[in-house]
Amino acid sequence: MTTMKQFHWFWAWDDEKEEAWLREMAQKGWHFKSVTLPGYYYFEKGEPRNDFYRLDFFINPKAKADYLQLFLDAGWDYLGEMGSWQYFRKTASDGDVLEIFSDNESKSKKYQRILLFLIVFLPIYINAINLLNKHQDTFTLVLTFFMFMFMIFYGYGIIRLGVRINQLKKKI
């Protein structure tokens, strides 16, 4: 069977774009198998299908069996995870649009879970930068610079998720 590995980057707030891209790939006959960090997607060649892909952010390992059962009962195939992102697929009849979250409040809660995850780790990350600043060797200075640059993206991500949550809440 023919397989393909493709790099593609999506931000957490762009999960709908990722879902649409995976759908386009399935319509071309490339069926999603897995994804690894930092964005390597693995596909298997087959017949074109009308597949919908949906992602959810779920971090509670104790409740995962019940969580997955809800999706399986609704006819979704569980494809695996990357980090805490869960990947689901379901083939639709022509004209159907399949969703795992049918309301904006549920979609907003998904982004709130991601935001909470980022905020919980923010103090740890800041403390790591502060610890590095106590040393003044060249390696530490370079590492501190890269961590500071990452911190800018981290902050940007927090802001973008907040904006996405507010957009969805205005539609409720």
N, C-alpha and C. Protein backbone atom coordinates (compact mmCIF):
# COMPACT_ATOMS: atom_id res chain seq x y z
N MET A 1 0.85 -1.18 0.00
CA MET A 1 0.00 0.00 0.00
C MET A 1 0.90 1.24 0.00
N THR A 2 0.53 2.26 -0.77
CA THR A 2 1.30 3.48 -0.88
C THR A 2 1.04 4.39 0.31
N THR A 3 2.11 4.92 0.87
CA THR A 3 1.98 5.84 1.99
C THR A 3 2.69 7.15 1.65
N MET A 4 2.34 8.20 2.39
CA MET A 4 2.94 9.50 2.18
C MET A 4 3.12 10.18 3.53
N LYS A 5 4.24 10.88 3.66
CA LYS A 5 4.52 11.69 4.84
C LYS A 5 4.56 13.14 4.36
N GLN A 6 3.82 14.01 5.04
CA GLN A 6 3.77 15.40 4.62
C GLN A 6 3.83 16.31 5.84
N PHE A 7 4.64 17.36 5.74
CA PHE A 7 4.72 18.35 6.82
C PHE A 7 3.69 19.44 6.58
N HIS A 8 2.96 19.78 7.63
CA HIS A 8 2.00 20.88 7.57
C HIS A 8 1.86 21.42 8.98
N TRP A 9 1.87 22.73 9.12
CA TRP A 9 1.78 23.34 10.45
C TRP A 9 0.42 24.00 10.64
N PHE A 10 -0.18 23.75 11.77
CA PHE A 10 -1.43 24.40 12.16
C PHE A 10 -1.29 24.88 13.60
N TRP A 11 -1.87 26.03 13.88
CA TRP A 11 -1.93 26.53 15.25
C TRP A 11 -3.16 25.93 15.94
N ALA A 12 -3.17 25.96 17.26
CA ALA A 12 -4.28 25.37 18.03
C ALA A 12 -5.62 26.01 17.68
N TRP A 13 -5.64 27.29 17.37
CA TRP A 13 -6.88 27.98 17.04
C TRP A 13 -7.28 27.77 15.58
N ASP A 14 -6.45 27.08 14.82
CA ASP A 14 -6.74 26.79 13.42
C ASP A 14 -7.16 25.34 13.19
N ASP A 15 -7.71 24.71 14.21
CA ASP A 15 -8.08 23.31 14.07
C ASP A 15 -9.12 23.09 12.97
N GLU A 16 -9.97 24.08 12.71
CA GLU A 16 -10.94 23.93 11.63
C GLU A 16 -10.24 23.89 10.27
N LYS A 17 -9.15 24.62 10.13
CA LYS A 17 -8.37 24.57 8.89
C LYS A 17 -7.70 23.20 8.74
N GLU A 18 -7.22 22.66 9.85
CA GLU A 18 -6.60 21.34 9.82
C GLU A 18 -7.63 20.29 9.42
N GLU A 19 -8.82 20.37 10.00
CA GLU A 19 -9.89 19.44 9.66
C GLU A 19 -10.24 19.52 8.18
N ALA A 20 -10.34 20.74 7.66
CA ALA A 20 -10.66 20.93 6.23
C ALA A 20 -9.56 20.37 5.34
N TRP A 21 -8.30 20.56 5.73
CA TRP A 21 -7.18 20.04 4.95
C TRP A 21 -7.19 18.51 4.93
N LEU A 22 -7.43 17.90 6.08
CA LEU A 22 -7.51 16.43 6.13
C LEU A 22 -8.67 15.93 5.27
N ARG A 23 -9.78 16.65 5.25
CA ARG A 23 -10.93 16.29 4.40
C ARG A 23 -10.54 16.36 2.93
N GLU A 24 -9.85 17.44 2.55
CA GLU A 24 -9.40 17.58 1.15
C GLU A 24 -8.47 16.43 0.76
N MET A 25 -7.60 16.04 1.66
CA MET A 25 -6.69 14.94 1.38
C MET A 25 -7.48 13.65 1.15
N ALA A 26 -8.50 13.40 1.98
CA ALA A 26 -9.32 12.19 1.83
C ALA A 26 -10.08 12.20 0.51
N GLN A 27 -10.53 13.38 0.10
CA GLN A 27 -11.24 13.49 -1.17
C GLN A 27 -10.31 13.23 -2.35
N LYS A 28 -9.01 13.39 -2.13
CA LYS A 28 -8.01 13.07 -3.16
C LYS A 28 -7.52 11.62 -3.05
N GLY A 29 -8.03 10.90 -2.04
CA GLY A 29 -7.65 9.51 -1.87
C GLY A 29 -6.50 9.30 -0.89
N TRP A 30 -6.10 10.34 -0.16
CA TRP A 30 -5.05 10.21 0.85
C TRP A 30 -5.71 10.21 2.22
N HIS A 31 -5.66 9.06 2.90
CA HIS A 31 -6.38 8.89 4.15
C HIS A 31 -5.42 8.98 5.34
N PHE A 32 -5.78 9.90 6.23
CA PHE A 32 -4.97 10.19 7.41
C PHE A 32 -4.80 8.95 8.27
N LYS A 33 -3.55 8.72 8.67
CA LYS A 33 -3.25 7.60 9.57
C LYS A 33 -2.75 8.07 10.92
N SER A 34 -1.84 9.09 10.93
CA SER A 34 -1.33 9.60 12.20
C SER A 34 -0.60 10.92 11.97
N VAL A 35 -0.27 11.56 13.07
CA VAL A 35 0.49 12.81 13.03
C VAL A 35 1.46 12.80 14.21
N THR A 36 2.64 13.34 13.97
CA THR A 36 3.63 13.46 15.04
C THR A 36 4.13 14.90 15.07
N LEU A 37 4.65 15.30 16.22
CA LEU A 37 5.25 16.63 16.33
C LEU A 37 6.49 16.67 15.47
N PRO A 38 6.77 17.74 14.82
CA PRO A 38 6.13 19.05 14.89
C PRO A 38 5.12 19.29 13.78
N GLY A 39 4.48 18.28 13.25
CA GLY A 39 3.47 18.46 12.21
C GLY A 39 3.69 17.56 11.01
N TYR A 40 4.20 16.35 11.25
CA TYR A 40 4.36 15.38 10.18
C TYR A 40 3.12 14.49 10.14
N TYR A 41 2.42 14.55 9.02
CA TYR A 41 1.20 13.79 8.82
C TYR A 41 1.50 12.59 7.94
N TYR A 42 0.92 11.46 8.29
CA TYR A 42 1.11 10.22 7.55
C TYR A 42 -0.23 9.81 6.94
N PHE A 43 -0.19 9.50 5.65
CA PHE A 43 -1.38 9.16 4.89
C PHE A 43 -1.18 7.83 4.18
N GLU A 44 -2.30 7.19 3.88
CA GLU A 44 -2.31 5.95 3.11
C GLU A 44 -3.19 6.18 1.88
N LYS A 45 -2.72 5.76 0.72
CA LYS A 45 -3.45 5.94 -0.54
C LYS A 45 -4.60 4.95 -0.63
N GLY A 46 -5.74 5.46 -1.07
CA GLY A 46 -6.92 4.62 -1.26
C GLY A 46 -7.89 5.32 -2.19
N GLU A 47 -9.10 4.85 -2.21
CA GLU A 47 -10.14 5.47 -3.02
C GLU A 47 -10.55 6.79 -2.38
N PRO A 48 -10.85 7.80 -3.16
CA PRO A 48 -11.36 9.06 -2.58
C PRO A 48 -12.63 8.79 -1.78
N ARG A 49 -12.75 9.47 -0.64
CA ARG A 49 -13.92 9.29 0.24
C ARG A 49 -14.40 10.65 0.73
N ASN A 50 -15.63 10.67 1.16
CA ASN A 50 -16.25 11.86 1.73
C ASN A 50 -16.11 11.81 3.25
N ASP A 51 -14.87 11.90 3.72
CA ASP A 51 -14.59 11.81 5.16
C ASP A 51 -14.55 13.19 5.79
N PHE A 52 -15.11 13.25 6.99
CA PHE A 52 -14.98 14.44 7.82
C PHE A 52 -14.04 14.09 8.96
N TYR A 53 -13.16 15.01 9.26
CA TYR A 53 -12.22 14.85 10.37
C TYR A 53 -12.56 15.90 11.40
N ARG A 54 -12.51 15.49 12.65
CA ARG A 54 -12.75 16.43 13.75
C ARG A 54 -11.69 16.21 14.81
N LEU A 55 -11.31 17.32 15.43
CA LEU A 55 -10.29 17.30 16.48
C LEU A 55 -10.89 17.80 17.78
N ASP A 56 -10.41 17.25 18.86
CA ASP A 56 -10.79 17.72 20.18
C ASP A 56 -9.55 17.73 21.05
N PHE A 57 -9.54 18.59 22.04
CA PHE A 57 -8.43 18.69 22.98
C PHE A 57 -8.92 18.10 24.29
N PHE A 58 -8.30 16.98 24.71
CA PHE A 58 -8.75 16.25 25.88
C PHE A 58 -7.54 15.81 26.68
N ILE A 59 -7.51 16.12 28.00
CA ILE A 59 -6.31 15.86 28.80
C ILE A 59 -6.56 15.02 30.05
N ASN A 60 -7.72 14.41 30.19
CA ASN A 60 -8.02 13.64 31.40
C ASN A 60 -7.87 12.15 31.13
N PRO A 61 -6.69 11.56 31.42
CA PRO A 61 -6.49 10.14 31.10
C PRO A 61 -7.43 9.20 31.85
N LYS A 62 -7.89 9.59 33.04
CA LYS A 62 -8.78 8.71 33.81
C LYS A 62 -10.15 8.58 33.15
N ALA A 63 -10.58 9.62 32.43
CA ALA A 63 -11.90 9.60 31.81
C ALA A 63 -11.83 9.30 30.32
N LYS A 64 -10.66 8.92 29.81
CA LYS A 64 -10.50 8.77 28.37
C LYS A 64 -11.34 7.65 27.79
N ALA A 65 -11.47 6.53 28.47
CA ALA A 65 -12.25 5.41 27.94
C ALA A 65 -13.70 5.82 27.73
N ASP A 66 -14.30 6.48 28.71
CA ASP A 66 -15.69 6.95 28.58
C ASP A 66 -15.81 8.01 27.49
N TYR A 67 -14.83 8.91 27.45
CA TYR A 67 -14.79 9.97 26.44
C TYR A 67 -14.78 9.37 25.04
N LEU A 68 -13.88 8.43 24.80
CA LEU A 68 -13.79 7.81 23.48
C LEU A 68 -15.05 7.02 23.14
N GLN A 69 -15.66 6.39 24.14
CA GLN A 69 -16.87 5.60 23.89
C GLN A 69 -18.00 6.47 23.37
N LEU A 70 -18.09 7.72 23.84
CA LEU A 70 -19.12 8.64 23.35
C LEU A 70 -18.99 8.84 21.84
N PHE A 71 -17.75 9.01 21.37
CA PHE A 71 -17.51 9.21 19.95
C PHE A 71 -17.77 7.93 19.15
N LEU A 72 -17.32 6.81 19.70
CA LEU A 72 -17.55 5.53 19.02
C LEU A 72 -19.04 5.24 18.89
N ASP A 73 -19.80 5.53 19.95
CA ASP A 73 -21.25 5.32 19.93
C ASP A 73 -21.93 6.20 18.88
N ALA A 74 -21.33 7.38 18.60
CA ALA A 74 -21.89 8.30 17.61
C ALA A 74 -21.39 7.98 16.19
N GLY A 75 -20.62 6.89 16.05
CA GLY A 75 -20.18 6.46 14.74
C GLY A 75 -18.86 7.04 14.27
N TRP A 76 -18.11 7.70 15.15
CA TRP A 76 -16.82 8.28 14.78
C TRP A 76 -15.72 7.23 14.97
N ASP A 77 -14.76 7.21 14.06
CA ASP A 77 -13.57 6.37 14.21
C ASP A 77 -12.52 7.17 14.95
N TYR A 78 -11.93 6.57 15.96
CA TYR A 78 -10.85 7.23 16.69
C TYR A 78 -9.54 6.89 15.99
N LEU A 79 -8.80 7.92 15.59
CA LEU A 79 -7.58 7.72 14.81
C LEU A 79 -6.31 7.87 15.63
N GLY A 80 -6.42 8.36 16.84
CA GLY A 80 -5.24 8.54 17.68
C GLY A 80 -5.11 9.97 18.15
N GLU A 81 -3.93 10.26 18.68
CA GLU A 81 -3.73 11.59 19.25
C GLU A 81 -2.33 12.10 18.96
N MET A 82 -2.20 13.42 19.06
CA MET A 82 -0.89 14.08 19.06
C MET A 82 -0.95 15.02 20.24
N GLY A 83 -0.09 14.76 21.21
CA GLY A 83 -0.20 15.53 22.44
C GLY A 83 -1.55 15.22 23.06
N SER A 84 -2.31 16.23 23.33
CA SER A 84 -3.66 16.03 23.87
C SER A 84 -4.74 16.22 22.81
N TRP A 85 -4.33 16.41 21.57
CA TRP A 85 -5.29 16.53 20.47
C TRP A 85 -5.75 15.14 20.04
N GLN A 86 -7.06 14.94 20.01
CA GLN A 86 -7.66 13.67 19.64
C GLN A 86 -8.21 13.80 18.22
N TYR A 87 -7.96 12.80 17.38
CA TYR A 87 -8.36 12.83 15.97
C TYR A 87 -9.46 11.81 15.71
N PHE A 88 -10.54 12.28 15.07
CA PHE A 88 -11.68 11.44 14.76
C PHE A 88 -12.04 11.58 13.28
N ARG A 89 -12.64 10.51 12.73
CA ARG A 89 -13.06 10.52 11.33
C ARG A 89 -14.41 9.82 11.20
N LYS A 90 -15.21 10.35 10.27
CA LYS A 90 -16.49 9.73 9.95
C LYS A 90 -16.79 10.01 8.48
N THR A 91 -17.23 8.97 7.76
CA THR A 91 -17.60 9.13 6.36
C THR A 91 -19.05 9.59 6.29
N ALA A 92 -19.29 10.58 5.42
CA ALA A 92 -20.62 11.17 5.32
C ALA A 92 -21.26 10.85 3.98
N SER A 93 -22.57 10.91 3.97
CA SER A 93 -23.32 10.86 2.72
C SER A 93 -23.19 12.22 2.06
N ASP A 94 -23.43 12.28 0.77
CA ASP A 94 -23.35 13.56 0.07
C ASP A 94 -24.28 14.57 0.70
N GLY A 95 -23.76 15.77 0.90
CA GLY A 95 -24.55 16.86 1.47
C GLY A 95 -24.51 16.94 2.98
N ASP A 96 -24.08 15.89 3.66
CA ASP A 96 -23.98 15.93 5.12
C ASP A 96 -22.77 16.74 5.54
N VAL A 97 -22.89 17.43 6.66
CA VAL A 97 -21.76 18.07 7.32
C VAL A 97 -21.77 17.53 8.74
N LEU A 98 -20.71 16.85 9.09
CA LEU A 98 -20.66 16.17 10.39
C LEU A 98 -19.86 16.97 11.39
N GLU A 99 -20.39 17.10 12.59
CA GLU A 99 -19.74 17.85 13.66
C GLU A 99 -19.71 17.01 14.93
N ILE A 100 -18.69 17.23 15.74
CA ILE A 100 -18.69 16.62 17.07
C ILE A 100 -19.22 17.62 18.09
N PHE A 101 -19.08 18.91 17.78
CA PHE A 101 -19.64 19.96 18.61
C PHE A 101 -20.65 20.71 17.76
N SER A 102 -21.91 20.67 18.14
CA SER A 102 -22.94 21.29 17.33
C SER A 102 -23.27 22.71 17.78
N ASP A 103 -22.67 23.15 18.87
CA ASP A 103 -22.98 24.50 19.36
C ASP A 103 -21.69 25.25 19.69
N ASN A 104 -21.78 26.57 19.63
CA ASN A 104 -20.62 27.41 19.86
C ASN A 104 -20.13 27.36 21.31
N GLU A 105 -21.02 27.09 22.25
CA GLU A 105 -20.61 26.99 23.64
C GLU A 105 -19.64 25.81 23.84
N SER A 106 -19.95 24.67 23.23
CA SER A 106 -19.06 23.50 23.33
C SER A 106 -17.73 23.76 22.63
N LYS A 107 -17.78 24.43 21.47
CA LYS A 107 -16.54 24.79 20.78
C LYS A 107 -15.70 25.72 21.63
N SER A 108 -16.36 26.69 22.27
CA SER A 108 -15.66 27.63 23.14
C SER A 108 -14.98 26.90 24.30
N LYS A 109 -15.65 25.92 24.86
CA LYS A 109 -15.08 25.16 25.98
C LYS A 109 -13.84 24.39 25.55
N LYS A 110 -13.80 23.92 24.31
CA LYS A 110 -12.61 23.24 23.82
C LYS A 110 -11.41 24.19 23.86
N TYR A 111 -11.61 25.40 23.36
CA TYR A 111 -10.51 26.38 23.36
C TYR A 111 -10.17 26.84 24.78
N GLN A 112 -11.14 26.85 25.65
CA GLN A 112 -10.87 27.19 27.05
C GLN A 112 -9.98 26.13 27.71
N ARG A 113 -10.19 24.85 27.36
CA ARG A 113 -9.33 23.79 27.89
C ARG A 113 -7.88 23.97 27.43
N ILE A 114 -7.71 24.35 26.16
CA ILE A 114 -6.36 24.59 25.64
C ILE A 114 -5.74 25.77 26.36
N LEU A 115 -6.50 26.84 26.51
CA LEU A 115 -6.01 28.05 27.17
C LEU A 115 -5.60 27.75 28.61
N LEU A 116 -6.42 26.99 29.32
CA LEU A 116 -6.09 26.62 30.70
C LEU A 116 -4.79 25.83 30.74
N PHE A 117 -4.63 24.91 29.81
CA PHE A 117 -3.41 24.11 29.72
C PHE A 117 -2.18 25.02 29.57
N LEU A 118 -2.27 26.01 28.68
CA LEU A 118 -1.15 26.93 28.47
C LEU A 118 -0.89 27.79 29.69
N ILE A 119 -1.94 28.26 30.32
CA ILE A 119 -1.78 29.14 31.48
C ILE A 119 -1.18 28.38 32.66
N VAL A 120 -1.52 27.12 32.84
CA VAL A 120 -0.97 26.31 33.93
C VAL A 120 0.56 26.19 33.79
N PHE A 121 1.04 26.05 32.56
CA PHE A 121 2.48 25.88 32.36
C PHE A 121 3.25 27.19 32.25
N LEU A 122 2.54 28.31 32.17
CA LEU A 122 3.20 29.60 32.03
C LEU A 122 4.14 29.93 33.20
N PRO A 123 3.73 29.77 34.46
CA PRO A 123 4.66 30.08 35.57
C PRO A 123 5.91 29.18 35.57
N ILE A 124 5.74 27.93 35.17
CA ILE A 124 6.88 27.02 35.11
C ILE A 124 7.88 27.51 34.08
N TYR A 125 7.37 27.92 32.95
CA TYR A 125 8.22 28.41 31.87
C TYR A 125 8.93 29.69 32.28
N ILE A 126 8.21 30.61 32.93
CA ILE A 126 8.82 31.87 33.39
C ILE A 126 9.90 31.59 34.41
N ASN A 127 9.66 30.68 35.33
CA ASN A 127 10.68 30.31 36.33
C ASN A 127 11.92 29.72 35.68
N ALA A 128 11.74 28.94 34.63
CA ALA A 128 12.88 28.37 33.92
C ALA A 128 13.73 29.48 33.30
N ILE A 129 13.08 30.48 32.73
CA ILE A 129 13.83 31.61 32.15
C ILE A 129 14.57 32.36 33.25
N ASN A 130 13.90 32.57 34.38
CA ASN A 130 14.55 33.27 35.51
C ASN A 130 15.75 32.51 36.03
N LEU A 131 15.66 31.19 36.10
CA LEU A 131 16.80 30.39 36.55
C LEU A 131 17.97 30.50 35.58
N LEU A 132 17.68 30.52 34.30
CA LEU A 132 18.74 30.65 33.29
C LEU A 132 19.43 32.01 33.38
N ASN A 133 18.68 33.04 33.73
CA ASN A 133 19.25 34.38 33.80
C ASN A 133 20.29 34.53 34.91
N LYS A 134 20.34 33.60 35.83
CA LYS A 134 21.32 33.66 36.92
C LYS A 134 22.71 33.26 36.44
N HIS A 135 22.80 32.63 35.30
CA HIS A 135 24.08 32.23 34.72
C HIS A 135 24.39 33.13 33.53
N GLN A 136 25.65 33.42 33.32
CA GLN A 136 26.01 34.37 32.26
C GLN A 136 26.95 33.80 31.21
N ASP A 137 27.00 32.49 31.06
CA ASP A 137 27.85 31.93 30.00
C ASP A 137 27.14 32.05 28.65
N THR A 138 27.89 31.89 27.58
CA THR A 138 27.37 32.10 26.23
C THR A 138 26.22 31.16 25.91
N PHE A 139 26.37 29.88 26.24
CA PHE A 139 25.32 28.91 25.96
C PHE A 139 24.01 29.31 26.64
N THR A 140 24.08 29.71 27.89
CA THR A 140 22.89 30.10 28.65
C THR A 140 22.24 31.34 28.05
N LEU A 141 23.07 32.29 27.61
CA LEU A 141 22.52 33.50 26.99
C LEU A 141 21.78 33.16 25.69
N VAL A 142 22.36 32.29 24.88
CA VAL A 142 21.71 31.88 23.63
C VAL A 142 20.42 31.13 23.93
N LEU A 143 20.46 30.22 24.89
CA LEU A 143 19.28 29.46 25.28
C LEU A 143 18.19 30.40 25.82
N THR A 144 18.58 31.36 26.61
CA THR A 144 17.63 32.34 27.14
C THR A 144 16.98 33.13 26.01
N PHE A 145 17.77 33.50 25.00
CA PHE A 145 17.22 34.23 23.86
C PHE A 145 16.16 33.39 23.14
N PHE A 146 16.47 32.11 22.89
CA PHE A 146 15.50 31.25 22.21
C PHE A 146 14.26 31.02 23.07
N MET A 147 14.45 30.88 24.37
CA MET A 147 13.30 30.71 25.25
C MET A 147 12.44 31.98 25.28
N PHE A 148 13.09 33.13 25.22
CA PHE A 148 12.35 34.39 25.18
C PHE A 148 11.55 34.49 23.87
N MET A 149 12.16 34.10 22.76
CA MET A 149 11.45 34.12 21.48
C MET A 149 10.24 33.16 21.52
N PHE A 150 10.46 31.99 22.11
CA PHE A 150 9.35 31.04 22.26
C PHE A 150 8.25 31.65 23.12
N MET A 151 8.67 32.40 24.15
CA MET A 151 7.71 33.03 25.05
C MET A 151 6.82 34.03 24.29
N ILE A 152 7.38 34.68 23.29
CA ILE A 152 6.58 35.60 22.48
C ILE A 152 5.49 34.82 21.74
N PHE A 153 5.86 33.68 21.13
CA PHE A 153 4.86 32.83 20.45
C PHE A 153 3.84 32.28 21.45
N TYR A 154 4.31 31.91 22.63
CA TYR A 154 3.44 31.39 23.68
C TYR A 154 2.39 32.43 24.04
N GLY A 155 2.85 33.66 24.26
CA GLY A 155 1.92 34.75 24.58
C GLY A 155 0.96 35.03 23.44
N TYR A 156 1.47 35.00 22.22
CA TYR A 156 0.63 35.19 21.04
C TYR A 156 -0.45 34.12 20.98
N GLY A 157 -0.07 32.88 21.29
CA GLY A 157 -1.04 31.78 21.30
C GLY A 157 -2.12 32.00 22.33
N ILE A 158 -1.75 32.46 23.50
CA ILE A 158 -2.73 32.73 24.55
C ILE A 158 -3.71 33.82 24.10
N ILE A 159 -3.17 34.87 23.47
CA ILE A 159 -4.03 35.95 22.98
C ILE A 159 -4.96 35.45 21.88
N ARG A 160 -4.43 34.70 20.92
CA ARG A 160 -5.27 34.21 19.81
C ARG A 160 -6.37 33.27 20.32
N LEU A 161 -6.05 32.42 21.29
CA LEU A 161 -7.08 31.55 21.85
C LEU A 161 -8.14 32.36 22.56
N GLY A 162 -7.73 33.39 23.29
CA GLY A 162 -8.69 34.28 23.94
C GLY A 162 -9.61 34.95 22.94
N VAL A 163 -9.05 35.40 21.83
CA VAL A 163 -9.85 36.03 20.77
C VAL A 163 -10.84 35.02 20.19
N ARG A 164 -10.38 33.80 19.95
CA ARG A 164 -11.25 32.75 19.38
C ARG A 164 -12.40 32.44 20.34
N ILE A 165 -12.10 32.35 21.63
CA ILE A 165 -13.14 32.09 22.63
C ILE A 165 -14.17 33.22 22.62
N ASN A 166 -13.70 34.47 22.58
CA ASN A 166 -14.62 35.61 22.57
C ASN A 166 -15.48 35.62 21.31
N GLN A 167 -14.90 35.26 20.15
CA GLN A 167 -15.69 35.19 18.92
C GLN A 167 -16.82 34.18 19.04
N LEU A 168 -16.51 33.03 19.62
CA LEU A 168 -17.53 32.00 19.76
C LEU A 168 -18.59 32.39 20.79
N LYS A 169 -18.17 33.04 21.87
CA LYS A 169 -19.13 33.45 22.90
C LYS A 169 -20.09 34.51 22.38
N LYS A 170 -19.65 35.35 21.47
CA LYS A 170 -20.54 36.37 20.89
C LYS A 170 -21.62 35.73 20.04
N LYS A 171 -21.36 34.52 19.54
CA LYS A 171 -22.34 33.83 18.69
C LYS A 171 -23.34 33.00 19.51
N ILE A 172 -23.08 32.89 20.81
CA ILE A 172 -23.97 32.05 21.67
C ILE A 172 -25.29 32.77 21.90
